[in-house]
Amino acid sequence: MVYLEEPGGKKKTLTNEEIIASYAGAPIYQPEAEQSYSDGQRIAGDYAFANYLVRVVPTGNSPGRYVAYILHADGVYWQKGQVKFELTATDDGGFDSSFRLRNHELSEDRRAHRLDDTRLLAGGVIWKSTSINKKSDPALDQQIMAAESERPILYRYDDKTVVIRFPSFAAEWSDHTDSLVAANNKLLTTNNLVIDLRGNQGGSDRTYESVMNIIKTRPATTDYDVSFLNTEDNRAVLEQYVDPERYPRDVIDYVKNVIGQLAESPDGFVVLNPTTSGVTPSDHARRYPERVAVLIDRNCGSSGEQFALDARESWRVKLFGEPTAGGIDASNLQSLEGPCGNYSLIYTSTVTSRADIVPIDGIGVQPDYPLALTGNPYHVISEVVRLMNDGY
């Protein structure tokens, strides 16, 4: 729904006709000369996503330039012939992209990539070719399915490699992760295990415990304290985790224990009682997987960073990718709404003494093998597997 701001702060809902008129000046592609230029990148054709159908054609006087214009859309926000995105080929095999959102706002911060003969990644979404009648790459299908999943997912990449994708460590996925590991225990006796944490902004450390038990070769180092800011508002937030319909019993028991400790303590920072890590000691470490790659990027934070810190203590683990976000020394964000209702205060509720020895905030967890992650996101796994097969 689109509104028009009127004098006095009143909002008027626009009709479909008014919306169409408001975008009447959007760029229109004239296709008369669409056969004049070479399709050197092999992406020309018709592509579909959601209710959009676009035609990608080479254009311009220099090779590697393309325009995608609307063949069919909703008929309100987008009309036939309007330019949806423009691409310019770059030396790394990808494209610089100018992509127009639903409201025609221009977004130029996302790269575009030809994924295979049937798919094009542009504007952060995958466009499927309607011009080519060809089976898609099964390995790519698996990666796309994993990337689009909201919950942890496990799949076999090749005969030596298994991939586990964690989009987050949300507490509600802890039972699911335990079941995933238990159901695939035999599959996890593999040469290579890739744990993909790209974009993982955290959740609960409990969610990854069963996976950590597989990859650790010695107990986790826990010789530092975590202190919680004890206030009435923060205790109320913790009460939300005492929900058996969303969280497993051990998470609820842990939260209840913390709430009880806080209730007996004065306001201010309270050092939380240490808890058992549940990590397999080194003399009981599994032989497999032989090599473990943890894929991290600049968007990994909170429990995503804690996983990287815990995992790198194992001799079989190497970190690949970019430095993480660097936001875990002071963490566990809380939010308070202001009295006027127009503003919210977001603040951290825990601090760790580890920061005095190994600070992470503003620095991030550093990868053992830095990788440029600005290219095709679906080529990263293959590069990591190649390095693993070369023996790191």
Protein backbone atom coordinates (compact mmCIF):
# COMPACT_ATOMS: atom_id res chain seq x y z
CA MET A 1 0.00 0.00 0.00
CA VAL A 2 1.34 3.45 -0.91
CA TYR A 3 0.53 6.62 1.00
CA LEU A 4 0.85 10.28 0.07
CA GLU A 5 1.87 12.63 2.88
CA GLU A 6 -0.50 15.61 2.96
CA PRO A 7 -0.25 18.91 4.88
CA GLY A 8 -0.82 18.42 8.57
CA GLY A 9 0.72 14.94 8.58
CA LYS A 10 -2.37 13.21 7.17
CA LYS A 11 -1.85 10.26 4.85
CA LYS A 12 -3.85 9.53 1.74
CA THR A 13 -3.97 6.02 0.28
CA LEU A 14 -3.15 6.09 -3.42
CA THR A 15 -5.33 4.27 -5.94
CA ASN A 16 -3.82 1.88 -8.48
CA GLU A 17 -4.23 4.55 -11.17
CA GLU A 18 -2.35 7.07 -9.03
CA ILE A 19 0.45 4.57 -8.35
CA ILE A 20 0.79 3.84 -12.07
CA ALA A 21 0.93 7.56 -12.81
CA SER A 22 3.58 8.14 -10.13
CA TYR A 23 5.96 5.75 -11.91
CA ALA A 24 5.14 6.90 -15.43
CA GLY A 25 8.53 8.59 -15.70
CA ALA A 26 10.49 5.41 -14.95
CA PRO A 27 13.18 4.47 -17.54
CA ILE A 28 11.79 2.60 -20.54
CA TYR A 29 13.92 0.32 -22.68
CA GLN A 30 13.50 0.55 -26.44
CA PRO A 31 14.18 -2.96 -27.82
CA GLU A 32 14.55 -2.09 -31.49
CA ALA A 33 18.32 -2.57 -31.44
CA GLU A 34 18.50 -5.51 -29.06
CA GLN A 35 20.18 -7.76 -31.67
CA SER A 36 22.97 -5.28 -32.39
CA TYR A 37 25.33 -6.33 -29.61
CA SER A 38 27.12 -9.55 -28.67
CA ASP A 39 25.96 -11.72 -25.76
CA GLY A 40 29.50 -12.42 -24.59
CA GLN A 41 28.43 -13.38 -21.05
CA ARG A 42 25.76 -15.85 -22.26
CA ILE A 43 22.97 -14.44 -20.08
CA ALA A 44 20.59 -12.97 -22.66
CA GLY A 45 17.06 -14.36 -22.47
CA ASP A 46 13.85 -14.27 -20.44
CA TYR A 47 13.92 -14.75 -16.67
CA ALA A 48 11.20 -15.09 -14.04
CA PHE A 49 11.02 -14.34 -10.32
CA ALA A 50 7.78 -14.16 -8.32
CA ASN A 51 5.31 -12.26 -10.56
CA TYR A 52 8.05 -10.65 -12.65
CA LEU A 53 9.08 -11.73 -16.13
CA VAL A 54 12.01 -9.81 -17.59
CA ARG A 55 14.01 -9.93 -20.80
CA VAL A 56 17.79 -9.53 -20.47
CA VAL A 57 19.42 -8.12 -23.60
CA PRO A 58 22.94 -6.90 -24.42
CA THR A 59 23.14 -3.19 -25.00
CA GLY A 60 25.56 -0.27 -25.26
CA ASN A 61 28.66 0.25 -27.35
CA SER A 62 31.00 -1.71 -25.06
CA PRO A 63 30.77 -5.49 -24.50
CA GLY A 64 29.39 -6.92 -21.28
CA ARG A 65 26.58 -4.43 -20.74
CA TYR A 66 22.99 -5.66 -20.31
CA VAL A 67 19.54 -4.30 -19.59
CA ALA A 68 16.64 -6.26 -18.10
CA TYR A 69 13.22 -4.83 -18.89
CA ILE A 70 9.73 -5.90 -17.85
CA LEU A 71 7.71 -8.25 -20.05
CA HIS A 72 5.10 -8.92 -17.38
CA ALA A 73 4.59 -7.78 -13.79
CA ASP A 74 1.81 -6.71 -11.42
CA GLY A 75 0.59 -3.98 -13.79
CA VAL A 76 0.55 -1.40 -11.01
CA TYR A 77 4.03 -0.76 -9.69
CA TRP A 78 5.67 -2.10 -12.86
CA GLN A 79 4.63 -1.79 -16.50
CA LYS A 80 5.85 -3.54 -19.62
CA GLY A 81 9.08 -2.06 -20.96
CA GLN A 82 10.26 -0.45 -17.72
CA VAL A 83 13.90 -1.19 -16.83
CA LYS A 84 14.21 -3.50 -13.81
CA PHE A 85 18.01 -3.79 -13.65
CA GLU A 86 21.21 -3.11 -15.58
CA LEU A 87 24.41 -5.18 -15.53
CA THR A 88 28.02 -4.48 -16.45
CA ALA A 89 30.44 -7.42 -16.63
CA THR A 90 33.57 -7.28 -14.45
CA ASP A 91 36.91 -9.08 -14.68
CA ASP A 92 36.02 -11.55 -11.91
CA GLY A 93 33.19 -13.07 -13.96
CA GLY A 94 30.40 -11.24 -12.15
CA PHE A 95 28.51 -8.03 -12.81
CA ASP A 96 28.15 -4.61 -11.28
CA SER A 97 24.42 -4.12 -10.86
CA SER A 98 21.91 -1.28 -10.79
CA PHE A 99 18.67 -2.80 -9.53
CA ARG A 100 15.32 -1.10 -9.04
CA LEU A 101 13.19 -2.18 -6.10
CA ARG A 102 9.41 -2.53 -6.14
CA ASN A 103 9.06 1.22 -5.52
CA HIS A 104 11.63 1.88 -8.29
CA GLU A 105 14.24 3.02 -5.77
CA LEU A 106 17.70 2.35 -7.19
CA SER A 107 19.96 -0.11 -5.34
CA GLU A 108 23.58 -0.39 -6.46
CA ASP A 109 25.16 -2.19 -3.52
CA ARG A 110 24.58 -5.78 -4.68
CA ARG A 111 26.63 -7.71 -7.19
CA ALA A 112 25.03 -9.95 -9.82
CA HIS A 113 26.22 -13.36 -11.00
CA ARG A 114 25.41 -15.97 -13.61
CA LEU A 115 24.96 -19.06 -11.45
CA ASP A 116 24.57 -21.61 -14.24
CA ASP A 117 22.91 -21.88 -17.65
CA THR A 118 19.45 -21.49 -16.11
CA ARG A 119 19.83 -19.03 -13.22
CA LEU A 120 20.88 -15.44 -12.67
CA LEU A 121 21.47 -13.85 -9.27
CA ALA A 122 20.47 -10.16 -9.39
CA GLY A 123 19.06 -7.83 -6.76
CA GLY A 124 19.67 -10.45 -4.09
CA VAL A 125 17.19 -12.92 -5.64
CA ILE A 126 17.52 -15.77 -8.14
CA TRP A 127 15.95 -15.34 -11.56
CA LYS A 128 15.07 -18.57 -13.39
CA SER A 129 15.48 -18.73 -17.16
CA THR A 130 12.32 -19.42 -19.15
CA SER A 131 14.29 -19.46 -22.41
CA ILE A 132 16.51 -22.50 -21.75
CA ASN A 133 15.08 -25.98 -21.38
CA LYS A 134 17.93 -27.56 -19.44
CA LYS A 135 18.27 -29.33 -16.11
CA SER A 136 19.83 -27.27 -13.37
CA ASP A 137 23.01 -28.25 -11.52
CA PRO A 138 22.01 -30.56 -8.59
CA ALA A 139 24.94 -29.35 -6.43
CA LEU A 140 23.83 -25.76 -6.95
CA ASP A 141 20.23 -26.75 -6.17
CA GLN A 142 21.38 -28.00 -2.76
CA GLN A 143 23.28 -24.82 -1.99
CA ILE A 144 20.34 -22.63 -2.97
CA MET A 145 17.98 -24.71 -0.83
CA ALA A 146 20.37 -24.37 2.12
CA ALA A 147 20.81 -20.62 1.60
CA GLU A 148 17.04 -20.07 1.53
CA SER A 149 16.32 -22.23 4.60
CA GLU A 150 15.48 -20.46 7.87
CA ARG A 151 16.54 -23.42 9.97
CA PRO A 152 19.80 -25.44 10.09
CA ILE A 153 20.19 -27.84 7.19
CA LEU A 154 22.68 -30.63 6.36
CA TYR A 155 23.53 -32.08 2.95
CA ARG A 156 26.21 -34.10 1.19
CA TYR A 157 28.26 -31.92 -1.14
CA ASP A 158 30.38 -34.70 -2.69
CA ASP A 159 31.65 -38.16 -1.74
CA LYS A 160 34.13 -36.70 0.77
CA THR A 161 32.29 -33.61 2.02
CA VAL A 162 29.22 -32.79 4.10
CA VAL A 163 27.93 -29.25 4.59
CA ILE A 164 25.93 -27.93 7.54
CA ARG A 165 24.35 -24.52 7.01
CA PHE A 166 23.42 -22.44 10.08
CA PRO A 167 21.49 -19.28 9.08
CA SER A 168 21.24 -18.54 12.82
CA PHE A 169 21.65 -20.17 16.22
CA ALA A 170 18.12 -19.23 17.32
CA ALA A 171 17.27 -21.07 20.54
CA GLU A 172 14.16 -22.65 18.99
CA TRP A 173 16.43 -24.60 16.60
CA SER A 174 18.39 -26.42 19.35
CA ASP A 175 16.21 -29.56 19.34
CA HIS A 176 16.16 -29.53 15.54
CA THR A 177 19.98 -29.36 15.43
CA ASP A 178 20.29 -32.24 17.90
CA SER A 179 17.96 -34.34 15.76
CA LEU A 180 19.79 -33.35 12.58
CA VAL A 181 23.12 -34.54 14.01
CA ALA A 182 21.67 -37.74 15.46
CA ALA A 183 19.90 -38.67 12.21
CA ASN A 184 23.05 -38.10 10.16
CA ASN A 185 25.65 -39.49 12.54
CA LYS A 186 26.95 -41.98 9.97
CA LEU A 187 27.07 -39.34 7.25
CA LEU A 188 29.16 -37.15 9.55
CA THR A 189 31.96 -39.74 9.60
CA THR A 190 33.32 -37.93 6.57
CA ASN A 191 36.68 -36.59 5.45
CA ASN A 192 35.52 -32.99 5.17
CA LEU A 193 32.88 -31.08 7.09
CA VAL A 194 32.02 -27.51 6.07
CA ILE A 195 30.03 -25.44 8.58
CA ASP A 196 28.59 -22.41 6.79
CA LEU A 197 27.93 -19.51 9.19
CA ARG A 198 27.71 -16.70 6.65
CA GLY A 199 25.20 -14.13 7.87
CA ASN A 200 24.69 -15.91 11.22
CA GLN A 201 23.96 -13.12 13.70
CA GLY A 202 23.69 -15.43 16.67
CA GLY A 203 21.06 -16.78 19.03
CA SER A 204 21.89 -19.34 21.70
CA ASP A 205 25.17 -21.21 22.26
CA ARG A 206 23.05 -24.23 23.24
CA THR A 207 21.86 -24.59 19.63
CA TYR A 208 25.29 -25.59 18.34
CA GLU A 209 26.35 -27.83 21.24
CA SER A 210 25.74 -31.15 19.45
CA VAL A 211 27.79 -30.02 16.45
CA MET A 212 30.60 -28.75 18.69
CA ASN A 213 30.74 -32.19 20.32
CA ILE A 214 31.61 -33.65 16.92
CA ILE A 215 34.39 -31.27 15.98
CA LYS A 216 36.10 -30.51 19.30
CA THR A 217 39.33 -32.30 20.20
CA ARG A 218 39.58 -30.85 23.73
CA PRO A 219 37.26 -29.16 26.22
CA ALA A 220 36.34 -25.55 25.58
CA THR A 221 38.35 -22.87 27.35
CA THR A 222 36.05 -21.18 29.86
CA ASP A 223 38.51 -19.41 32.17
CA TYR A 224 36.65 -16.10 31.96
CA ASP A 225 33.50 -14.67 33.48
CA VAL A 226 30.27 -13.43 31.92
CA SER A 227 28.44 -10.70 33.83
CA PHE A 228 24.76 -9.84 33.36
CA LEU A 229 23.29 -6.37 33.91
CA ASN A 230 20.74 -7.14 36.61
CA THR A 231 17.70 -4.87 36.26
CA GLU A 232 13.96 -5.39 36.46
CA ASP A 233 13.57 -4.88 32.70
CA ASN A 234 16.33 -7.36 31.84
CA ARG A 235 14.91 -10.00 34.17
CA ALA A 236 11.53 -9.58 32.43
CA VAL A 237 13.19 -10.27 29.08
CA LEU A 238 14.65 -13.53 30.42
CA GLU A 239 11.16 -14.65 31.48
CA GLN A 240 10.23 -14.85 27.78
CA TYR A 241 12.57 -17.83 27.39
CA VAL A 242 10.58 -19.90 29.90
CA ASP A 243 8.29 -21.10 27.15
CA PRO A 244 8.11 -24.92 26.64
CA GLU A 245 6.37 -24.47 23.28
CA ARG A 246 9.39 -22.65 21.82
CA TYR A 247 12.46 -23.73 23.79
CA PRO A 248 13.86 -27.09 24.95
CA ARG A 249 13.81 -28.11 28.58
CA ASP A 250 17.54 -27.63 29.22
CA VAL A 251 17.40 -24.05 27.92
CA ILE A 252 14.41 -23.30 30.15
CA ASP A 253 16.15 -24.87 33.17
CA TYR A 254 19.28 -22.79 32.54
CA VAL A 255 17.26 -19.56 32.24
CA LYS A 256 15.34 -20.35 35.43
CA ASN A 257 18.64 -20.89 37.23
CA VAL A 258 19.92 -17.50 36.01
CA ILE A 259 16.68 -15.75 36.99
CA GLY A 260 16.92 -17.27 40.46
CA GLN A 261 20.51 -16.12 40.84
CA LEU A 262 19.63 -12.61 39.70
CA ALA A 263 16.65 -12.40 42.04
CA GLU A 264 19.00 -12.97 45.00
CA SER A 265 21.54 -10.39 43.76
CA PRO A 266 21.55 -6.57 43.87
CA ASP A 267 21.01 -4.53 40.73
CA GLY A 268 24.12 -3.98 38.63
CA PHE A 269 26.45 -6.43 36.92
CA VAL A 270 26.28 -9.95 38.35
CA VAL A 271 28.79 -12.68 37.46
CA LEU A 272 26.78 -15.67 36.26
CA ASN A 273 27.58 -19.08 37.67
CA PRO A 274 29.75 -21.14 35.30
CA THR A 275 27.90 -23.91 33.48
CA THR A 276 29.15 -27.23 32.15
CA SER A 277 30.14 -26.91 28.49
CA GLY A 278 28.96 -30.37 27.50
CA VAL A 279 31.87 -30.65 25.07
CA THR A 280 33.51 -34.02 24.55
CA PRO A 281 36.96 -34.21 26.22
CA SER A 282 39.99 -34.80 24.01
CA ASP A 283 40.51 -38.42 25.04
CA HIS A 284 37.07 -39.26 23.66
CA ALA A 285 37.31 -37.13 20.52
CA ARG A 286 35.93 -38.68 17.35
CA ARG A 287 38.27 -39.63 14.54
CA TYR A 288 35.95 -38.13 11.93
CA PRO A 289 35.43 -35.69 10.38
CA GLU A 290 39.14 -35.40 9.56
CA ARG A 291 39.01 -31.74 8.53
CA VAL A 292 36.49 -29.07 9.45
CA ALA A 293 36.12 -25.72 7.71
CA VAL A 294 34.03 -23.02 9.40
CA LEU A 295 32.96 -20.36 6.90
CA ILE A 296 32.56 -16.91 8.49
CA ASP A 297 31.89 -13.39 7.23
CA ARG A 298 31.51 -9.83 8.48
CA ASN A 299 27.85 -10.46 9.38
CA CYS A 300 28.60 -13.20 11.93
CA GLY A 301 27.90 -11.92 15.43
CA SER A 302 26.99 -12.91 18.96
CA SER A 303 26.72 -16.73 19.13
CA GLY A 304 27.96 -16.87 15.55
CA GLU A 305 31.25 -15.41 16.75
CA GLN A 306 31.26 -17.55 19.88
CA PHE A 307 31.01 -20.68 17.73
CA ALA A 308 34.07 -19.56 15.75
CA LEU A 309 35.98 -18.90 18.98
CA ASP A 310 35.07 -22.31 20.43
CA ALA A 311 35.63 -24.21 17.18
CA ARG A 312 39.11 -22.85 16.49
CA GLU A 313 40.39 -24.50 19.66
CA SER A 314 40.14 -27.84 17.84
CA TRP A 315 43.21 -28.91 15.86
CA ARG A 316 41.00 -30.16 13.03
CA VAL A 317 39.20 -26.82 12.51
CA LYS A 318 40.22 -23.92 10.27
CA LEU A 319 38.28 -20.70 9.78
CA PHE A 320 37.68 -19.45 6.23
CA GLY A 321 36.30 -16.17 4.93
CA GLU A 322 36.25 -12.70 6.47
CA PRO A 323 36.74 -11.33 10.01
CA THR A 324 33.48 -11.54 11.93
CA ALA A 325 31.40 -8.54 13.02
CA GLY A 326 33.31 -7.95 16.24
CA GLY A 327 30.46 -7.54 18.70
CA ILE A 328 30.62 -10.18 21.41
CA ASP A 329 32.63 -8.76 24.35
CA ALA A 330 29.54 -6.73 25.23
CA SER A 331 26.54 -8.60 23.84
CA ASN A 332 23.00 -9.94 24.33
CA LEU A 333 21.10 -6.94 23.02
CA GLN A 334 18.00 -5.69 24.79
CA SER A 335 15.55 -2.97 23.76
CA LEU A 336 13.50 -0.46 25.75
CA GLU A 337 10.80 1.70 24.18
CA GLY A 338 10.86 5.38 25.07
CA PRO A 339 7.89 7.03 26.87
CA CYS A 340 6.77 8.79 23.67
CA GLY A 341 6.72 5.53 21.72
CA ASN A 342 8.76 7.00 18.87
CA TYR A 343 12.21 5.88 19.98
CA SER A 344 13.82 2.72 21.36
CA LEU A 345 17.04 2.30 23.32
CA ILE A 346 19.06 -0.74 22.26
CA TYR A 347 21.83 -1.77 24.65
CA THR A 348 23.96 -4.77 25.65
CA SER A 349 23.14 -6.69 28.82
CA THR A 350 26.28 -8.84 29.25
CA VAL A 351 30.03 -8.29 29.30
CA THR A 352 32.87 -10.81 29.36
CA SER A 353 36.21 -10.69 31.15
CA ARG A 354 37.78 -12.36 28.11
CA ALA A 355 37.92 -8.91 26.51
CA ASP A 356 40.75 -8.00 28.90
CA ILE A 357 42.89 -10.76 27.35
CA VAL A 358 41.56 -11.41 23.83
CA PRO A 359 39.28 -8.55 22.75
CA ILE A 360 36.93 -9.20 19.83
CA ASP A 361 34.75 -6.06 19.68
CA GLY A 362 35.74 -3.83 16.80
CA ILE A 363 38.22 -6.46 15.59
CA GLY A 364 36.32 -9.66 14.89
CA VAL A 365 37.40 -13.29 14.93
CA GLN A 366 40.11 -13.57 12.28
CA PRO A 367 40.00 -16.32 9.62
CA ASP A 368 42.91 -18.72 9.16
CA TYR A 369 42.30 -18.55 5.41
CA PRO A 370 41.03 -15.13 4.25
CA LEU A 371 38.68 -15.37 1.28
CA ALA A 372 37.16 -12.55 -0.77
CA LEU A 373 33.41 -13.05 -0.38
CA THR A 374 32.34 -10.35 -2.83
CA GLY A 375 32.16 -12.78 -5.75
CA ASN A 376 29.61 -15.45 -6.57
CA PRO A 377 28.35 -16.67 -3.17
CA TYR A 378 27.66 -20.12 -4.61
CA HIS A 379 31.29 -20.62 -5.65
CA VAL A 380 32.64 -20.19 -2.12
CA ILE A 381 31.90 -23.74 -0.93
CA SER A 382 33.73 -25.24 -3.90
CA GLU A 383 36.79 -23.07 -3.17
CA VAL A 384 36.78 -24.12 0.49
CA VAL A 385 36.47 -27.79 -0.46
CA ARG A 386 39.36 -27.44 -2.90
CA LEU A 387 41.57 -26.04 -0.13
CA MET A 388 40.51 -28.82 2.23
CA ASN A 389 41.33 -31.50 -0.34
CA ASP A 390 44.74 -29.87 -0.80
CA GLY A 391 45.31 -30.44 2.92
CA TYR A 392 44.57 -26.85 4.00
